[in-house]
Amino acid sequence: MTNRTTRRRWLRGCGALSVVGLAGCLSDDIGSSETDDGPEGESTDLEFPPGLSSDGIDDPAALFDAHRSLVTATSFTGEYAITVRRTDETTDESTTTAPDFFEVRSEPGAERLEKTTFEGPDGSDVDHALYIDGDRGATNTSNHVTERTAGELVEASLNPMESWVRIADGEYDGTETIGAESVHSVSITGLEEQHVPDDELDEEGSILVDEDGLIRRFRAAQSGVRNDTRVELEASFEFSGIGETTVAEPAWVDDLEETGEKRFEVEPGSTVDFAGETSAWVGREPSAIAGVENPTLVLEEGESYTIGWSSGDGLAHNIEIRDENDEVVDDYETEVTTDPGPDQFLDIIASEEMAKYVCNPHEPLMNGDIEVR
């Protein structure tokens, strides 16, 4: 991709700064434009895509559904980042983390896809790389490849983006230009879900979307104060290389293994411990699930287990055991909290109606299957 500063490269550029400097870059970036020189707010003959009108966002679900239908049918490069900054207002000390940060390159015509997940607030370190070619897949970690097809991985990658678009209210601002193309510009005026603890939130952001409904860029920020700590949460995703992205076999791929979901049989009496990340439940214990996202747990009917989470990304989570109808089984659920402790573990007796474990606030991403035998 030419003439474009990607989110990952931009964050790397801030990597040499202090954490406070990095968070400052992020805050400035939310309200800025990365489009080429051109008139903003100009009159336009562009058609409005589903869910958008001259009044702003009329139907956020329809807006994202149009986006999904387009990106799943063409090649693209997508980047997604969640960044959280915490500032102690009594000492002015700040820390910045990026609990969810990945890039996807998709070429659906060839059934190829590469997804790279980064770690660290500057995004300079590759945490997990995954490559799928048809019905085969490979990863640079010891984890088994769980995604079966490139299409399934595209859908999974769209889930966190969808969760943001569907809660956005926005006003229409006119048009901006990306290269030689005009796109609709929307200012985010509010988010229908609260991700930051505070009674009075500050919210801002912007959306660039073309006349067909493909969202080129989405940015949203939410900040608030609780117990002398200011929390600033920023979400960003961007799509580029539309119809032009190619996916080549990565240099790190040696031997491709057959894809297929790996199930983990849990010994009766064991404790299953997760880290609560917005993108997934990440296994900690037993050692067999360490580092695995949303592992399928195989339990024995009538046996006892303990399941919960002991660490997280600072956002609010809980854990629930549900059946196939998404009903909580036998009141197996914890309170939503940002501070995991002993009360975030459930002592359960495995029963045949158990089908999944989920985090209620982040159900589309933080969920895993339970099989009871």
Protein backbone atom coordinates (compact mmCIF):
# COMPACT_ATOMS: atom_id res chain seq x y z
CA MET A 1 0.00 0.00 0.00
CA THR A 2 1.45 3.38 -1.02
CA ASN A 3 0.86 6.94 0.17
CA ARG A 4 -0.76 5.78 3.39
CA THR A 5 0.39 5.85 6.99
CA THR A 6 -1.06 2.69 8.52
CA ARG A 7 -2.25 2.58 12.12
CA ARG A 8 0.53 0.11 12.92
CA ARG A 9 3.25 2.25 11.35
CA TRP A 10 1.81 5.35 13.01
CA LEU A 11 1.86 3.70 16.43
CA ARG A 12 5.41 2.48 15.82
CA GLY A 13 6.34 6.06 15.06
CA CYS A 14 5.07 7.02 18.49
CA GLY A 15 6.89 4.06 20.04
CA ALA A 16 9.97 6.13 20.84
CA LEU A 17 7.86 8.56 22.84
CA SER A 18 6.95 8.22 26.48
CA VAL A 19 3.66 6.60 27.36
CA VAL A 20 2.17 10.04 27.99
CA GLY A 21 3.38 11.21 24.59
CA LEU A 22 1.92 8.16 22.91
CA ALA A 23 -1.47 8.70 24.47
CA GLY A 24 -1.31 12.32 23.36
CA CYS A 25 -0.70 11.19 19.79
CA LEU A 26 -3.69 8.89 20.05
CA SER A 27 -5.97 11.63 21.32
CA ASP A 28 -4.94 14.01 18.55
CA ASP A 29 -5.32 11.26 15.96
CA ILE A 30 -8.97 10.65 16.78
CA GLY A 31 -10.05 14.02 15.46
CA SER A 32 -7.62 14.28 12.55
CA SER A 33 -7.99 13.37 8.88
CA GLU A 34 -5.64 11.11 6.97
CA THR A 35 -7.26 11.88 3.65
CA ASP A 36 -5.42 13.56 0.80
CA ASP A 37 -5.77 17.30 0.22
CA GLY A 38 -9.28 18.15 -0.86
CA PRO A 39 -12.36 20.09 0.19
CA GLU A 40 -14.13 18.96 3.33
CA GLY A 41 -17.88 19.35 3.81
CA GLU A 42 -18.34 19.94 0.08
CA SER A 43 -21.66 19.40 -1.65
CA THR A 44 -21.83 16.04 -3.35
CA ASP A 45 -23.82 13.91 -5.74
CA LEU A 46 -22.81 10.77 -3.86
CA GLU A 47 -25.58 8.29 -3.17
CA PHE A 48 -26.17 7.50 0.49
CA PRO A 49 -25.50 3.88 1.52
CA PRO A 50 -27.94 1.91 3.67
CA GLY A 51 -28.23 3.33 7.18
CA LEU A 52 -26.89 6.80 6.32
CA SER A 53 -28.64 9.99 5.21
CA SER A 54 -28.07 13.75 5.22
CA ASP A 55 -29.28 13.68 8.82
CA GLY A 56 -26.51 11.28 9.85
CA ILE A 57 -26.61 7.65 10.97
CA ASP A 58 -30.21 6.41 10.73
CA ASP A 59 -29.56 2.68 11.13
CA PRO A 60 -26.08 1.64 12.33
CA ALA A 61 -26.88 -2.06 11.92
CA ALA A 62 -27.80 -1.55 8.25
CA LEU A 63 -24.65 0.53 7.76
CA PHE A 64 -22.40 -2.24 9.02
CA ASP A 65 -24.32 -4.98 7.20
CA ALA A 66 -23.62 -3.14 3.93
CA HIS A 67 -19.95 -2.92 4.87
CA ARG A 68 -19.79 -6.61 5.72
CA SER A 69 -21.31 -7.70 2.42
CA LEU A 70 -18.72 -5.66 0.52
CA VAL A 71 -15.52 -6.58 2.37
CA THR A 72 -16.33 -10.29 2.44
CA ALA A 73 -16.61 -10.26 -1.36
CA THR A 74 -13.38 -8.43 -2.23
CA SER A 75 -9.72 -8.30 -1.25
CA PHE A 76 -8.74 -5.74 1.40
CA THR A 77 -6.37 -4.83 4.18
CA GLY A 78 -8.01 -4.08 7.51
CA GLU A 79 -6.43 -2.69 10.66
CA TYR A 80 -8.05 -2.62 14.11
CA ALA A 81 -6.78 -1.20 17.40
CA ILE A 82 -8.13 -0.65 20.89
CA THR A 83 -5.98 1.59 23.08
CA VAL A 84 -6.54 2.30 26.78
CA ARG A 85 -4.80 5.07 28.68
CA ARG A 86 -5.06 5.38 32.49
CA THR A 87 -3.96 8.51 34.29
CA ASP A 88 -3.74 8.91 38.06
CA GLU A 89 -4.99 12.47 38.46
CA THR A 90 -3.32 12.83 41.86
CA THR A 91 0.18 12.06 40.48
CA ASP A 92 -0.38 12.65 36.72
CA GLU A 93 1.25 9.27 36.03
CA SER A 94 -0.08 7.46 32.96
CA THR A 95 0.07 4.02 31.42
CA THR A 96 -1.09 3.06 27.92
CA THR A 97 -1.96 -0.43 26.72
CA ALA A 98 -3.29 -1.89 23.48
CA PRO A 99 -5.36 -4.91 24.55
CA ASP A 100 -6.55 -5.58 21.01
CA PHE A 101 -4.50 -4.71 17.94
CA PHE A 102 -4.44 -6.66 14.66
CA GLU A 103 -4.14 -6.44 10.88
CA VAL A 104 -5.95 -8.64 8.35
CA ARG A 105 -5.04 -9.10 4.68
CA SER A 106 -7.75 -10.93 2.76
CA GLU A 107 -7.95 -12.31 -0.76
CA PRO A 108 -11.27 -14.20 -0.87
CA GLY A 109 -11.03 -15.16 -4.55
CA ALA A 110 -7.95 -17.23 -3.75
CA GLU A 111 -9.30 -18.27 -0.33
CA ARG A 112 -6.21 -16.85 1.32
CA LEU A 113 -5.91 -14.68 4.42
CA GLU A 114 -3.21 -13.53 6.81
CA LYS A 115 -3.95 -12.11 10.26
CA THR A 116 -1.27 -10.61 12.49
CA THR A 117 -1.94 -9.66 16.11
CA PHE A 118 0.45 -7.18 17.72
CA GLU A 119 1.31 -6.44 21.33
CA GLY A 120 2.74 -3.49 23.20
CA PRO A 121 1.31 0.05 23.12
CA ASP A 122 3.40 0.91 20.04
CA GLY A 123 2.39 -2.24 18.16
CA SER A 124 5.99 -3.08 17.33
CA ASP A 125 5.92 -6.73 18.42
CA VAL A 126 4.12 -9.55 16.62
CA ASP A 127 2.21 -11.59 19.16
CA HIS A 128 0.41 -14.03 16.87
CA ALA A 129 0.47 -14.63 13.11
CA LEU A 130 -2.03 -16.83 11.29
CA TYR A 131 -2.15 -17.85 7.63
CA ILE A 132 -5.00 -19.71 5.93
CA ASP A 133 -4.88 -21.07 2.40
CA GLY A 134 -8.06 -22.89 1.41
CA ASP A 135 -8.76 -25.55 4.01
CA ARG A 136 -5.26 -25.47 5.46
CA GLY A 137 -3.76 -23.15 8.01
CA ALA A 138 -0.56 -22.38 9.90
CA THR A 139 0.40 -20.23 12.87
CA ASN A 140 3.72 -19.02 14.30
CA THR A 141 2.73 -20.11 17.82
CA SER A 142 2.38 -23.53 19.42
CA ASN A 143 -1.40 -23.17 19.46
CA HIS A 144 -3.47 -25.29 17.16
CA VAL A 145 -5.15 -23.44 14.28
CA THR A 146 -8.85 -23.26 15.12
CA GLU A 147 -10.20 -21.29 12.15
CA ARG A 148 -11.39 -23.57 9.36
CA THR A 149 -11.57 -21.17 6.39
CA ALA A 150 -10.45 -17.69 5.38
CA GLY A 151 -14.10 -16.62 5.25
CA GLU A 152 -14.67 -17.64 8.87
CA LEU A 153 -11.63 -15.66 9.95
CA VAL A 154 -12.84 -12.56 8.09
CA GLU A 155 -16.19 -12.83 9.87
CA ALA A 156 -14.46 -13.25 13.24
CA SER A 157 -12.29 -10.19 12.53
CA LEU A 158 -15.36 -8.11 11.70
CA ASN A 159 -17.04 -8.86 15.05
CA PRO A 160 -15.14 -6.31 17.18
CA MET A 161 -15.62 -3.65 14.51
CA GLU A 162 -19.34 -4.37 14.26
CA SER A 163 -19.73 -3.97 18.02
CA TRP A 164 -18.54 -0.34 17.73
CA VAL A 165 -20.46 0.70 14.60
CA ARG A 166 -23.75 -0.65 15.93
CA ILE A 167 -23.61 1.61 19.02
CA ALA A 168 -22.62 4.84 17.22
CA ASP A 169 -24.82 7.92 16.80
CA GLY A 170 -23.56 10.46 14.28
CA GLU A 171 -24.23 13.64 12.34
CA TYR A 172 -23.52 14.03 8.64
CA ASP A 173 -20.60 16.39 7.83
CA GLY A 174 -20.52 16.29 4.02
CA THR A 175 -17.67 14.66 2.12
CA GLU A 176 -13.93 14.18 2.23
CA THR A 177 -11.57 12.82 -0.39
CA ILE A 178 -9.43 9.68 -0.21
CA GLY A 179 -7.07 9.84 -3.16
CA ALA A 180 -9.33 10.84 -6.03
CA GLU A 181 -12.46 9.38 -4.43
CA SER A 182 -15.11 11.27 -2.49
CA VAL A 183 -16.53 9.61 0.62
CA HIS A 184 -19.16 10.53 3.17
CA SER A 185 -17.95 11.99 6.48
CA VAL A 186 -19.82 11.51 9.78
CA SER A 187 -19.02 12.94 13.21
CA ILE A 188 -19.78 10.57 16.08
CA THR A 189 -21.96 12.34 18.63
CA GLY A 190 -22.38 9.49 21.10
CA LEU A 191 -22.00 5.78 21.84
CA GLU A 192 -24.93 3.79 23.20
CA GLU A 193 -22.76 1.57 25.41
CA GLN A 194 -20.49 2.65 28.23
CA HIS A 195 -17.03 1.08 28.20
CA VAL A 196 -15.44 3.52 30.65
CA PRO A 197 -16.53 3.93 34.31
CA ASP A 198 -18.03 7.39 34.85
CA ASP A 199 -21.42 9.02 35.19
CA GLU A 200 -20.55 11.75 32.67
CA LEU A 201 -18.54 10.61 29.65
CA ASP A 202 -16.67 12.53 26.98
CA GLU A 203 -17.22 10.95 23.54
CA GLU A 204 -16.02 11.81 20.05
CA GLY A 205 -15.03 10.20 16.77
CA SER A 206 -15.59 10.04 13.03
CA ILE A 207 -16.58 7.68 10.23
CA LEU A 208 -15.62 7.78 6.54
CA VAL A 209 -17.83 5.61 4.31
CA ASP A 210 -18.20 5.42 0.52
CA GLU A 211 -21.47 5.54 -1.37
CA ASP A 212 -21.66 1.74 -1.57
CA GLY A 213 -21.42 1.41 2.21
CA LEU A 214 -17.80 0.34 2.63
CA ILE A 215 -16.43 1.94 5.81
CA ARG A 216 -12.96 3.23 5.03
CA ARG A 217 -12.19 4.49 8.51
CA PHE A 218 -13.85 4.47 11.95
CA ARG A 219 -12.54 6.17 15.07
CA ALA A 220 -14.22 6.60 18.43
CA ALA A 221 -13.06 7.74 21.85
CA GLN A 222 -14.67 7.53 25.27
CA SER A 223 -13.17 8.93 28.48
CA GLY A 224 -14.23 9.31 32.10
CA VAL A 225 -12.99 9.51 35.69
CA ARG A 226 -13.51 7.10 38.58
CA ASN A 227 -11.67 7.13 41.92
CA ASP A 228 -9.15 9.78 40.76
CA THR A 229 -8.23 7.74 37.69
CA ARG A 230 -9.00 9.01 34.20
CA VAL A 231 -9.59 6.23 31.67
CA GLU A 232 -9.42 7.03 27.96
CA LEU A 233 -10.51 4.30 25.56
CA GLU A 234 -9.95 4.69 21.83
CA ALA A 235 -11.12 2.36 19.06
CA SER A 236 -9.93 2.59 15.48
CA PHE A 237 -10.26 0.53 12.32
CA GLU A 238 -9.40 1.24 8.72
CA PHE A 239 -9.87 -0.55 5.40
CA SER A 240 -7.62 -0.01 2.38
CA GLY A 241 -6.26 -1.86 -0.64
CA ILE A 242 -9.84 -2.55 -1.69
CA GLY A 243 -9.80 -4.98 -4.60
CA GLU A 244 -6.01 -4.67 -4.84
CA THR A 245 -4.71 -6.55 -1.79
CA THR A 246 -2.81 -9.77 -2.49
CA VAL A 247 -1.90 -12.39 0.11
CA ALA A 248 1.34 -14.31 -0.33
CA GLU A 249 2.49 -17.22 1.79
CA PRO A 250 4.47 -15.70 4.69
CA ALA A 251 8.16 -16.44 4.97
CA TRP A 252 7.63 -18.00 8.42
CA VAL A 253 5.37 -20.74 7.05
CA ASP A 254 7.25 -24.02 6.79
CA ASP A 255 4.75 -26.86 6.87
CA LEU A 256 1.02 -26.20 6.78
CA GLU A 257 -1.03 -28.33 9.11
CA GLU A 258 -4.64 -29.32 8.63
CA THR A 259 -6.99 -26.91 10.31
CA GLY A 260 -9.51 -28.09 12.83
CA GLU A 261 -10.76 -27.08 16.22
CA LYS A 262 -8.90 -28.59 19.13
CA ARG A 263 -10.91 -29.65 22.16
CA PHE A 264 -9.46 -29.75 25.64
CA GLU A 265 -10.56 -32.45 28.08
CA VAL A 266 -10.55 -31.01 31.60
CA GLU A 267 -9.88 -33.31 34.52
CA PRO A 268 -12.72 -33.41 37.10
CA GLY A 269 -11.97 -31.20 40.07
CA SER A 270 -9.74 -28.89 38.00
CA THR A 271 -9.80 -25.11 37.93
CA VAL A 272 -10.10 -23.45 34.53
CA ASP A 273 -8.56 -19.97 34.71
CA PHE A 274 -8.79 -17.33 31.97
CA ALA A 275 -7.44 -13.88 31.28
CA GLY A 276 -10.29 -11.58 30.32
CA GLU A 277 -9.29 -9.77 27.11
CA THR A 278 -11.85 -7.81 25.09
CA SER A 279 -10.94 -9.82 21.99
CA ALA A 280 -11.28 -13.28 23.64
CA TRP A 281 -11.03 -15.40 26.75
CA VAL A 282 -7.35 -16.39 26.85
CA GLY A 283 -6.48 -19.62 28.66
CA ARG A 284 -4.13 -19.56 31.67
CA GLU A 285 -4.75 -22.87 33.47
CA PRO A 286 -4.66 -25.83 33.01
CA SER A 287 -1.40 -25.61 31.10
CA ALA A 288 -2.96 -27.31 28.05
CA ILE A 289 -5.09 -24.21 27.33
CA ALA A 290 -2.41 -21.61 28.15
CA GLY A 291 -2.49 -18.89 25.50
CA VAL A 292 -5.44 -20.44 23.60
CA GLU A 293 -8.29 -18.08 22.76
CA ASN A 294 -11.82 -19.27 23.62
CA PRO A 295 -10.83 -22.96 23.89
CA THR A 296 -13.53 -25.63 23.67
CA LEU A 297 -13.80 -27.30 27.10
CA VAL A 298 -14.80 -30.95 27.34
CA LEU A 299 -16.31 -31.83 30.75
CA GLU A 300 -17.70 -35.01 32.28
CA GLU A 301 -21.36 -34.94 33.27
CA GLY A 302 -21.95 -34.87 37.02
CA GLU A 303 -18.36 -33.91 37.84
CA SER A 304 -17.34 -30.70 39.60
CA TYR A 305 -15.14 -27.95 38.15
CA THR A 306 -14.16 -24.37 38.92
CA ILE A 307 -14.16 -21.86 36.07
CA GLY A 308 -13.41 -18.12 36.08
CA TRP A 309 -10.88 -15.38 35.35
CA SER A 310 -8.05 -14.00 37.46
CA SER A 311 -6.64 -11.24 35.24
CA GLY A 312 -7.86 -8.91 32.55
CA ASP A 313 -7.29 -5.85 30.38
CA GLY A 314 -8.85 -3.39 32.83
CA LEU A 315 -12.23 -3.32 31.11
CA ALA A 316 -15.44 -4.65 32.64
CA HIS A 317 -16.07 -8.41 32.24
CA ASN A 318 -17.94 -11.26 33.87
CA ILE A 319 -18.35 -14.96 33.17
CA GLU A 320 -21.56 -16.90 32.61
CA ILE A 321 -22.38 -20.53 31.77
CA ARG A 322 -25.20 -20.70 29.22
CA ASP A 323 -27.23 -23.29 27.36
CA GLU A 324 -27.96 -23.50 23.62
CA ASN A 325 -30.77 -20.95 24.02
CA ASP A 326 -28.40 -18.43 25.64
CA GLU A 327 -30.05 -18.87 29.04
CA VAL A 328 -27.84 -18.90 32.14
CA VAL A 329 -27.61 -22.41 33.59
CA ASP A 330 -28.36 -22.80 37.32
CA ASP A 331 -27.47 -19.16 38.10
CA TYR A 332 -23.86 -19.76 37.07
CA GLU A 333 -22.88 -16.12 36.49
CA THR A 334 -20.72 -13.49 38.17
CA GLU A 335 -21.10 -9.73 38.55
CA VAL A 336 -19.56 -7.47 35.89
CA THR A 337 -16.34 -5.94 37.21
CA THR A 338 -13.00 -4.46 36.17
CA ASP A 339 -11.23 -6.07 39.15
CA PRO A 340 -11.19 -9.88 39.01
CA GLY A 341 -10.92 -11.80 42.25
CA PRO A 342 -12.18 -14.97 43.94
CA ASP A 343 -15.80 -13.93 43.29
CA GLN A 344 -15.16 -14.23 39.53
CA PHE A 345 -14.85 -18.02 39.79
CA LEU A 346 -17.82 -20.38 39.57
CA ASP A 347 -17.99 -23.79 41.23
CA ILE A 348 -20.06 -25.83 38.80
CA ILE A 349 -21.39 -29.35 38.33
CA ALA A 350 -21.22 -30.27 34.64
CA SER A 351 -24.64 -30.93 33.11
CA GLU A 352 -25.77 -31.72 29.58
CA GLU A 353 -27.52 -28.37 29.09
CA MET A 354 -24.22 -26.47 29.38
CA ALA A 355 -23.18 -25.21 25.91
CA LYS A 356 -20.88 -22.22 26.31
CA TYR A 357 -19.09 -19.80 28.62
CA VAL A 358 -19.38 -16.08 27.81
CA CYS A 359 -18.62 -12.56 28.99
CA ASN A 360 -21.92 -10.68 28.94
CA PRO A 361 -20.54 -7.22 27.96
CA HIS A 362 -18.37 -8.69 25.17
CA GLU A 363 -20.34 -11.77 24.15
CA PRO A 364 -19.57 -11.65 20.37
CA LEU A 365 -15.84 -12.07 21.07
CA MET A 366 -15.46 -13.55 24.54
CA ASN A 367 -17.24 -16.88 24.22
CA GLY A 368 -16.17 -20.49 24.06
CA ASP A 369 -17.93 -23.84 23.68
CA ILE A 370 -18.54 -26.40 26.41
CA GLU A 371 -19.08 -30.07 25.59
CA VAL A 372 -20.41 -32.30 28.35
CA ARG A 373 -19.97 -36.04 27.90
